[in-house]
């Protein structure tokens, strides 16, 4: 085998992946990132609910 399937595609386990990139949702979050997320949530909820109810 040459590392290609019947359609001529290369194997996906090639070692050319960027070593510093992480996309797993299980990656740990810092408290700063959690705080920013809650701030964005609060602004979004205010725009979606508080402003329309005030009008």
PDB file of N, CA and C in Angstrom:
ATOM      1  N   UNK A   1       0.836  -1.194   0.000  1.00  0.00           N
ATOM      2  CA  UNK A   1       0.000   0.000   0.000  1.00  0.00           C
ATOM      3  C   UNK A   1       0.869   1.242   0.000  1.00  0.00           C
ATOM      4  N   UNK A   2       0.393   2.252  -0.663  1.00  0.00           N
ATOM      5  CA  UNK A   2       1.160   3.493  -0.755  1.00  0.00           C
ATOM      6  C   UNK A   2       0.614   4.573   0.148  1.00  0.00           C
ATOM      7  N   UNK A   3      -0.364   4.282   0.976  1.00  0.00           N
ATOM      8  CA  UNK A   3      -0.949   5.284   1.855  1.00  0.00           C
ATOM      9  C   UNK A   3      -2.115   6.003   1.212  1.00  0.00           C
ATOM     10  N   UNK A   4      -2.569   5.501   0.060  1.00  0.00           N
ATOM     11  CA  UNK A   4      -3.708   6.110  -0.631  1.00  0.00           C
ATOM     12  C   UNK A   4      -4.842   5.109  -0.687  1.00  0.00           C
ATOM     13  N   UNK A   5      -6.079   5.625  -0.669  1.00  0.00           N
ATOM     14  CA  UNK A   5      -7.212   4.735  -0.815  1.00  0.00           C
ATOM     15  C   UNK A   5      -7.520   4.549  -2.299  1.00  0.00           C
ATOM     16  N   UNK A   6      -8.630   3.858  -2.597  1.00  0.00           N
ATOM     17  CA  UNK A   6      -8.946   3.568  -3.995  1.00  0.00           C
ATOM     18  C   UNK A   6      -9.294   4.804  -4.820  1.00  0.00           C
ATOM     19  N   UNK A   7      -9.555   5.944  -4.159  1.00  0.00           N
ATOM     20  CA  UNK A   7      -9.884   7.170  -4.868  1.00  0.00           C
ATOM     21  C   UNK A   7      -8.686   8.100  -4.997  1.00  0.00           C
ATOM     22  N   UNK A   8      -7.510   7.676  -4.511  1.00  0.00           N
ATOM     23  CA  UNK A   8      -6.318   8.487  -4.629  1.00  0.00           C
ATOM     24  C   UNK A   8      -6.129   9.492  -3.510  1.00  0.00           C
ATOM     25  N   UNK A   9      -6.911   9.374  -2.427  1.00  0.00           N
ATOM     26  CA  UNK A   9      -6.774  10.295  -1.296  1.00  0.00           C
ATOM     27  C   UNK A   9      -5.705   9.792  -0.344  1.00  0.00           C
ATOM     28  N   UNK A  10      -4.985  10.717   0.258  1.00  0.00           N
ATOM     29  CA  UNK A  10      -3.961  10.354   1.239  1.00  0.00           C
ATOM     30  C   UNK A  10      -4.610   9.967   2.559  1.00  0.00           C
ATOM     31  N   UNK A  11      -3.879   9.198   3.363  1.00  0.00           N
ATOM     32  CA  UNK A  11      -4.352   8.861   4.705  1.00  0.00           C
ATOM     33  C   UNK A  11      -4.484  10.128   5.532  1.00  0.00           C
ATOM     34  N   UNK A  12      -5.441  10.130   6.467  1.00  0.00           N
ATOM     35  CA  UNK A  12      -5.691  11.323   7.270  1.00  0.00           C
ATOM     36  C   UNK A  12      -4.816  11.412   8.505  1.00  0.00           C
ATOM     37  N   UNK A  13      -4.055  10.381   8.822  1.00  0.00           N
ATOM     38  CA  UNK A  13      -3.216  10.420  10.017  1.00  0.00           C
ATOM     39  C   UNK A  13      -1.801  10.892   9.709  1.00  0.00           C
ATOM     40  N   UNK A  14      -1.675  11.772   8.731  1.00  0.00           N
ATOM     41  CA  UNK A  14      -0.370  12.311   8.355  1.00  0.00           C
ATOM     42  C   UNK A  14       0.157  13.219   9.463  1.00  0.00           C
ATOM     43  N   UNK A  15       1.469  13.259   9.664  1.00  0.00           N
ATOM     44  CA  UNK A  15       2.039  14.063  10.755  1.00  0.00           C
ATOM     45  C   UNK A  15       2.193  15.540  10.422  1.00  0.00           C
ATOM     46  N   UNK A  16       1.496  16.064   9.409  1.00  0.00           N
ATOM     47  CA  UNK A  16       1.660  17.466   9.023  1.00  0.00           C
ATOM     48  C   UNK A  16       0.649  18.386   9.710  1.00  0.00           C
ATOM     49  N   UNK A  17       0.115  17.981  10.857  1.00  0.00           N
ATOM     50  CA  UNK A  17      -0.840  18.784  11.611  1.00  0.00           C
ATOM     51  C   UNK A  17      -0.078  19.823  12.419  1.00  0.00           C
ATOM     52  N   UNK A  18      -0.616  21.043  12.505  1.00  0.00           N
ATOM     53  CA  UNK A  18       0.029  22.096  13.282  1.00  0.00           C
ATOM     54  C   UNK A  18       0.077  21.678  14.742  1.00  0.00           C
ATOM     55  N   UNK A  19       1.238  21.703  15.395  1.00  0.00           N
ATOM     56  CA  UNK A  19       1.340  21.201  16.763  1.00  0.00           C
ATOM     57  C   UNK A  19       0.692  22.091  17.815  1.00  0.00           C
ATOM     58  N   UNK A  20       0.533  23.399  17.577  1.00  0.00           N
ATOM     59  CA  UNK A  20      -0.010  24.287  18.587  1.00  0.00           C
ATOM     60  C   UNK A  20      -1.501  24.490  18.503  1.00  0.00           C
ATOM     61  N   UNK A  21      -2.161  23.877  17.566  1.00  0.00           N
ATOM     62  CA  UNK A  21      -3.588  24.102  17.361  1.00  0.00           C
ATOM     63  C   UNK A  21      -4.401  23.089  18.143  1.00  0.00           C
ATOM     64  N   UNK A  22      -5.375  23.576  18.919  1.00  0.00           N
ATOM     65  CA  UNK A  22      -6.279  22.704  19.659  1.00  0.00           C
ATOM     66  C   UNK A  22      -7.710  23.083  19.322  1.00  0.00           C
ATOM     67  N   UNK A  23      -8.530  22.098  18.962  1.00  0.00           N
ATOM     68  CA  UNK A  23      -9.926  22.370  18.636  1.00  0.00           C
ATOM     69  C   UNK A  23     -10.883  21.541  19.486  1.00  0.00           C
ATOM     70  N   UNK A  24     -10.354  20.775  20.418  1.00  0.00           N
ATOM     71  CA  UNK A  24     -11.203  19.917  21.225  1.00  0.00           C
ATOM     72  C   UNK A  24     -12.017  20.738  22.219  1.00  0.00           C
ATOM     73  N   UNK A  25     -13.307  20.466  22.364  1.00  0.00           N
ATOM     74  CA  UNK A  25     -14.116  21.208  23.332  1.00  0.00           C
ATOM     75  C   UNK A  25     -13.758  20.868  24.775  1.00  0.00           C
ATOM     76  N   UNK A  26     -12.956  19.836  24.989  1.00  0.00           N
ATOM     77  CA  UNK A  26     -12.565  19.460  26.338  1.00  0.00           C
ATOM     78  C   UNK A  26     -11.366  20.259  26.825  1.00  0.00           C
ATOM     79  N   UNK A  27     -10.836  21.151  26.009  1.00  0.00           N
ATOM     80  CA  UNK A  27      -9.687  21.945  26.410  1.00  0.00           C
ATOM     81  C   UNK A  27     -10.061  22.821  27.597  1.00  0.00           C
ATOM     82  N   UNK A  28      -9.144  23.006  28.528  1.00  0.00           N
ATOM     83  CA  UNK A  28      -9.458  23.821  29.705  1.00  0.00           C
ATOM     84  C   UNK A  28      -9.611  25.300  29.344  1.00  0.00           C
ATOM     85  N   UNK A  29     -10.478  25.987  30.062  1.00  0.00           N
ATOM     86  CA  UNK A  29     -10.708  27.410  29.854  1.00  0.00           C
ATOM     87  C   UNK A  29     -10.143  28.168  31.043  1.00  0.00           C
ATOM     88  N   UNK A  30      -9.594  29.338  30.778  1.00  0.00           N
ATOM     89  CA  UNK A  30      -9.116  30.177  31.872  1.00  0.00           C
ATOM     90  C   UNK A  30     -10.303  30.938  32.456  1.00  0.00           C
ATOM     91  N   UNK A  31     -10.141  31.461  33.658  1.00  0.00           N
ATOM     92  CA  UNK A  31     -11.212  32.231  34.291  1.00  0.00           C
ATOM     93  C   UNK A  31     -11.497  33.505  33.503  1.00  0.00           C
ATOM     94  N   UNK A  32     -10.500  34.058  32.833  1.00  0.00           N
ATOM     95  CA  UNK A  32     -10.711  35.251  32.004  1.00  0.00           C
ATOM     96  C   UNK A  32     -11.642  34.917  30.836  1.00  0.00           C
ATOM     97  N   UNK A  33     -11.426  33.778  30.193  1.00  0.00           N
ATOM     98  CA  UNK A  33     -12.283  33.371  29.090  1.00  0.00           C
ATOM     99  C   UNK A  33     -13.704  33.112  29.563  1.00  0.00           C
ATOM    100  N   UNK A  34     -13.862  32.523  30.739  1.00  0.00           N
ATOM    101  CA  UNK A  34     -15.200  32.277  31.290  1.00  0.00           C
ATOM    102  C   UNK A  34     -15.886  33.600  31.591  1.00  0.00           C
ATOM    103  N   UNK A  35     -15.166  34.562  32.157  1.00  0.00           N
ATOM    104  CA  UNK A  35     -15.736  35.874  32.456  1.00  0.00           C
ATOM    105  C   UNK A  35     -16.180  36.606  31.203  1.00  0.00           C
ATOM    106  N   UNK A  36     -15.377  36.534  30.160  1.00  0.00           N
ATOM    107  CA  UNK A  36     -15.747  37.176  28.887  1.00  0.00           C
ATOM    108  C   UNK A  36     -16.992  36.510  28.319  1.00  0.00           C
ATOM    109  N   UNK A  37     -17.077  35.191  28.434  1.00  0.00           N
ATOM    110  CA  UNK A  37     -18.260  34.475  27.951  1.00  0.00           C
ATOM    111  C   UNK A  37     -19.519  34.891  28.680  1.00  0.00           C
ATOM    112  N   UNK A  38     -19.427  35.036  30.005  1.00  0.00           N
ATOM    113  CA  UNK A  38     -20.598  35.475  30.769  1.00  0.00           C
ATOM    114  C   UNK A  38     -20.970  36.920  30.439  1.00  0.00           C
ATOM    115  N   UNK A  39     -19.982  37.776  30.193  1.00  0.00           N
ATOM    116  CA  UNK A  39     -20.273  39.166  29.816  1.00  0.00           C
ATOM    117  C   UNK A  39     -20.995  39.216  28.466  1.00  0.00           C
ATOM    118  N   UNK A  40     -20.541  38.419  27.518  1.00  0.00           N
ATOM    119  CA  UNK A  40     -21.205  38.360  26.208  1.00  0.00           C
ATOM    120  C   UNK A  40     -22.622  37.818  26.371  1.00  0.00           C
ATOM    121  N   UNK A  41     -22.793  36.816  27.223  1.00  0.00           N
ATOM    122  CA  UNK A  41     -24.124  36.275  27.499  1.00  0.00           C
ATOM    123  C   UNK A  41     -25.038  37.342  28.082  1.00  0.00           C
ATOM    124  N   UNK A  42     -24.536  38.115  29.049  1.00  0.00           N
ATOM    125  CA  UNK A  42     -25.356  39.147  29.687  1.00  0.00           C
ATOM    126  C   UNK A  42     -25.779  40.222  28.689  1.00  0.00           C
ATOM    127  N   UNK A  43     -24.866  40.646  27.839  1.00  0.00           N
ATOM    128  CA  UNK A  43     -25.205  41.656  26.829  1.00  0.00           C
ATOM    129  C   UNK A  43     -26.226  41.089  25.845  1.00  0.00           C
ATOM    130  N   UNK A  44     -26.029  39.847  25.434  1.00  0.00           N
ATOM    131  CA  UNK A  44     -26.982  39.223  24.511  1.00  0.00           C
ATOM    132  C   UNK A  44     -28.368  39.086  25.106  1.00  0.00           C
ATOM    133  N   UNK A  45     -28.441  38.692  26.364  1.00  0.00           N
ATOM    134  CA  UNK A  45     -29.747  38.583  27.018  1.00  0.00           C
ATOM    135  C   UNK A  45     -30.402  39.950  27.186  1.00  0.00           C
ATOM    136  N   UNK A  46     -29.602  40.961  27.478  1.00  0.00           N
ATOM    137  CA  UNK A  46     -30.156  42.313  27.613  1.00  0.00           C
ATOM    138  C   UNK A  46     -30.723  42.798  26.291  1.00  0.00           C
ATOM    139  N   UNK A  47     -30.007  42.561  25.226  1.00  0.00           N
ATOM    140  CA  UNK A  47     -30.494  42.989  23.904  1.00  0.00           C
ATOM    141  C   UNK A  47     -31.739  42.198  23.516  1.00  0.00           C
ATOM    142  N   UNK A  48     -31.746  40.905  23.795  1.00  0.00           N
ATOM    143  CA  UNK A  48     -32.850  40.049  23.350  1.00  0.00           C
ATOM    144  C   UNK A  48     -34.113  40.201  24.198  1.00  0.00           C
ATOM    145  N   UNK A  49     -33.959  40.462  25.510  1.00  0.00           N
ATOM    146  CA  UNK A  49     -35.125  40.458  26.386  1.00  0.00           C
ATOM    147  C   UNK A  49     -35.378  41.782  27.100  1.00  0.00           C
ATOM    148  N   UNK A  50     -34.379  42.360  27.710  1.00  0.00           N
ATOM    149  CA  UNK A  50     -34.590  43.547  28.549  1.00  0.00           C
ATOM    150  C   UNK A  50     -34.995  44.760  27.730  1.00  0.00           C
ATOM    151  N   UNK A  51     -34.322  45.004  26.640  1.00  0.00           N
ATOM    152  CA  UNK A  51     -34.656  46.178  25.812  1.00  0.00           C
ATOM    153  C   UNK A  51     -36.053  46.056  25.216  1.00  0.00           C
ATOM    154  N   UNK A  52     -36.435  44.943  24.627  1.00  0.00           N
ATOM    155  CA  UNK A  52     -37.814  44.841  24.109  1.00  0.00           C
ATOM    156  C   UNK A  52     -38.879  44.951  25.197  1.00  0.00           C
ATOM    157  N   UNK A  53     -38.606  44.428  26.385  1.00  0.00           N
ATOM    158  CA  UNK A  53     -39.591  44.534  27.463  1.00  0.00           C
ATOM    159  C   UNK A  53     -39.695  45.967  27.978  1.00  0.00           C
ATOM    160  N   UNK A  54     -38.619  46.733  27.898  1.00  0.00           N
ATOM    161  CA  UNK A  54     -38.633  48.104  28.359  1.00  0.00           C
ATOM    162  C   UNK A  54     -39.411  49.009  27.401  1.00  0.00           C
ATOM    163  N   UNK A  55     -39.494  48.605  26.166  1.00  0.00           N
ATOM    164  CA  UNK A  55     -40.214  49.413  25.164  1.00  0.00           C
ATOM    165  C   UNK A  55     -41.641  49.029  25.150  1.00  0.00           C
TER     166      UNK A  55
END
